[in-house]
C-alpha atoms as a PDB file:
ATOM      1  CA  MET A   1     171.087 153.832  98.210  1.00  0.00           C
ATOM      2  CA  SER A   2     168.616 156.582  99.036  1.00  0.00           C
ATOM      3  CA  ASP A   3     164.949 156.350  99.893  1.00  0.00           C
ATOM      4  CA  SER A   4     164.276 158.713  96.987  1.00  0.00           C
ATOM      5  CA  ALA A   5     164.744 155.841  94.530  1.00  0.00           C
ATOM      6  CA  PHE A   6     161.994 153.833  96.214  1.00  0.00           C
ATOM      7  CA  ARG A   7     159.715 156.879  96.438  1.00  0.00           C
ATOM      8  CA  ALA A   8     160.288 157.536  92.729  1.00  0.00           C
ATOM      9  CA  LEU A   9     159.501 153.902  91.873  1.00  0.00           C
ATOM     10  CA  ALA A  10     156.243 154.044  93.836  1.00  0.00           C
ATOM     11  CA  ASP A  11     154.531 156.142  91.153  1.00  0.00           C
ATOM     12  CA  PRO A  12     153.028 154.291  88.152  1.00  0.00           C
ATOM     13  CA  THR A  13     153.755 157.151  85.738  1.00  0.00           C
ATOM     14  CA  ARG A  14     157.421 157.126  86.682  1.00  0.00           C
ATOM     15  CA  ARG A  15     157.568 153.346  86.339  1.00  0.00           C
ATOM     16  CA  ARG A  16     156.103 153.700  82.827  1.00  0.00           C
ATOM     17  CA  ILE A  17     158.742 156.308  81.969  1.00  0.00           C
ATOM     18  CA  LEU A  18     161.416 153.865  83.131  1.00  0.00           C
ATOM     19  CA  GLU A  19     159.881 151.167  80.920  1.00  0.00           C
ATOM     20  CA  LEU A  20     160.121 153.525  77.940  1.00  0.00           C
ATOM     21  CA  LEU A  21     163.744 154.293  78.736  1.00  0.00           C
ATOM     22  CA  ALA A  22     164.527 150.590  79.120  1.00  0.00           C
ATOM     23  CA  ALA A  23     163.795 150.312  75.392  1.00  0.00           C
ATOM     24  CA  GLY A  24     166.277 153.105  74.642  1.00  0.00           C
ATOM     25  CA  ASP A  25     167.194 156.703  75.326  1.00  0.00           C
ATOM     26  CA  CYS A  26     164.425 159.261  74.682  1.00  0.00           C
ATOM     27  CA  THR A  27     164.041 162.995  74.605  1.00  0.00           C
ATOM     28  CA  ALA A  28     161.637 164.657  77.006  1.00  0.00           C
ATOM     29  CA  GLY A  29     159.309 165.333  74.064  1.00  0.00           C
ATOM     30  CA  GLU A  30     159.303 161.683  72.989  1.00  0.00           C
ATOM     31  CA  ILE A  31     158.448 160.639  76.532  1.00  0.00           C
ATOM     32  CA  ALA A  32     155.701 163.265  76.823  1.00  0.00           C
ATOM     33  CA  GLU A  33     154.054 161.956  73.620  1.00  0.00           C
ATOM     34  CA  GLU A  34     153.308 158.704  75.477  1.00  0.00           C
ATOM     35  CA  PHE A  35     151.176 160.389  78.143  1.00  0.00           C
ATOM     36  CA  ALA A  36     147.851 162.209  78.185  1.00  0.00           C
ATOM     37  CA  MET A  37     149.064 164.896  80.569  1.00  0.00           C
ATOM     38  CA  ALA A  38     150.662 168.322  80.370  1.00  0.00           C
ATOM     39  CA  PHE A  39     154.335 168.466  79.423  1.00  0.00           C
ATOM     40  CA  ALA A  40     154.992 170.200  82.760  1.00  0.00           C
ATOM     41  CA  SER A  41     153.685 167.108  84.602  1.00  0.00           C
ATOM     42  CA  VAL A  42     155.946 164.798  82.604  1.00  0.00           C
ATOM     43  CA  SER A  43     158.831 167.172  83.267  1.00  0.00           C
ATOM     44  CA  HIS A  44     158.099 166.943  87.001  1.00  0.00           C
ATOM     45  CA  HIS A  45     158.211 163.127  86.877  1.00  0.00           C
ATOM     46  CA  LEU A  46     161.491 163.241  84.949  1.00  0.00           C
ATOM     47  CA  ARG A  47     162.962 165.603  87.548  1.00  0.00           C
ATOM     48  CA  VAL A  48     161.973 163.227  90.380  1.00  0.00           C
ATOM     49  CA  LEU A  49     163.588 160.310  88.528  1.00  0.00           C
ATOM     50  CA  ARG A  50     166.726 162.353  87.856  1.00  0.00           C
ATOM     51  CA  GLU A  51     167.003 163.524  91.477  1.00  0.00           C
ATOM     52  CA  ALA A  52     166.603 159.909  92.633  1.00  0.00           C
ATOM     53  CA  GLY A  53     169.492 158.967  90.353  1.00  0.00           C
ATOM     54  CA  LEU A  54     167.364 156.553  88.321  1.00  0.00           C
ATOM     55  CA  VAL A  55     167.862 158.458  85.070  1.00  0.00           C
ATOM     56  CA  SER A  56     170.462 160.800  83.697  1.00  0.00           C
ATOM     57  CA  ALA A  57     169.886 163.699  81.331  1.00  0.00           C
ATOM     58  CA  GLU A  58     172.044 165.208  78.627  1.00  0.00           C
ATOM     59  CA  ARG A  59     171.283 168.300  76.601  1.00  0.00           C
ATOM     60  CA  GLU A  60     171.263 167.844  72.821  1.00  0.00           C
ATOM     61  CA  GLY A  61     170.731 171.258  71.285  1.00  0.00           C
ATOM     62  CA  GLN A  62     167.247 172.327  72.354  1.00  0.00           C
ATOM     63  CA  ASN A  63     166.309 168.832  73.578  1.00  0.00           C
ATOM     64  CA  ILE A  64     167.187 166.903  76.685  1.00  0.00           C
ATOM     65  CA  ARG A  65     167.845 163.185  76.183  1.00  0.00           C
ATOM     66  CA  TYR A  66     167.160 160.837  79.095  1.00  0.00           C
ATOM     67  CA  ARG A  67     168.658 157.412  79.785  1.00  0.00           C
ATOM     68  CA  LEU A  68     168.456 154.850  82.561  1.00  0.00           C
ATOM     69  CA  ASN A  69     171.134 154.900  85.231  1.00  0.00           C
ATOM     70  CA  THR A  70     171.719 151.155  85.467  1.00  0.00           C
ATOM     71  CA  THR A  71     174.085 151.519  88.429  1.00  0.00           C
ATOM     72  CA  VAL A  72     171.247 152.637  90.688  1.00  0.00           C
ATOM     73  CA  PHE A  73     169.025 149.824  89.415  1.00  0.00           C
ATOM     74  CA  GLN A  74     171.746 147.347  90.290  1.00  0.00           C
ATOM     75  CA  GLU A  75     171.901 148.772  93.826  1.00  0.00           C
ATOM     76  CA  VAL A  76     168.117 148.520  94.195  1.00  0.00           C
ATOM     77  CA  SER A  77     168.171 144.935  92.872  1.00  0.00           C
ATOM     78  CA  ARG A  78     170.936 143.932  95.297  1.00  0.00           C
ATOM     79  CA  TYR A  79     169.025 145.467  98.189  1.00  0.00           C
ATOM     80  CA  LEU A  80     165.804 143.660  97.252  1.00  0.00           C
ATOM     81  CA  MET A  81     167.620 140.352  96.779  1.00  0.00           C
ATOM     82  CA  LYS A  82     169.222 140.794 100.206  1.00  0.00           C
ATOM     83  CA  LEU A  83     165.800 141.466 101.718  1.00  0.00           C
ATOM     84  CA  LEU A  84     164.251 138.460 100.019  1.00  0.00           C
ATOM     85  CA  GLY A  85     167.200 136.264 100.864  1.00  0.00           C
ATOM     86  CA  GLY A  86     166.937 137.187 104.534  1.00  0.00           C
ATOM     87  CA  LYS A  87     163.293 136.088 104.693  1.00  0.00           C
ATOM     88  CA  ARG A  88     164.020 132.426 103.970  1.00  0.00           C
END
């Protein structure tokens, strides 16, 4: 697991994007509608999440559809559980 996943999770905007994607796959435009910021800023956050492996992207015509990468979330969860388990 890379540190980039934890750095990506540190930002509240990216955590909100992940919450949206937890409810189902979304296009970049659908995600951007949820934020009062420029589309370019949302695109930046999506790129960080994609590079961290937390989301995957697939082109659908002129749109890009994003979805959670649950494998990485499982790795993060296992790591955190190991950390918490070691503190007892």
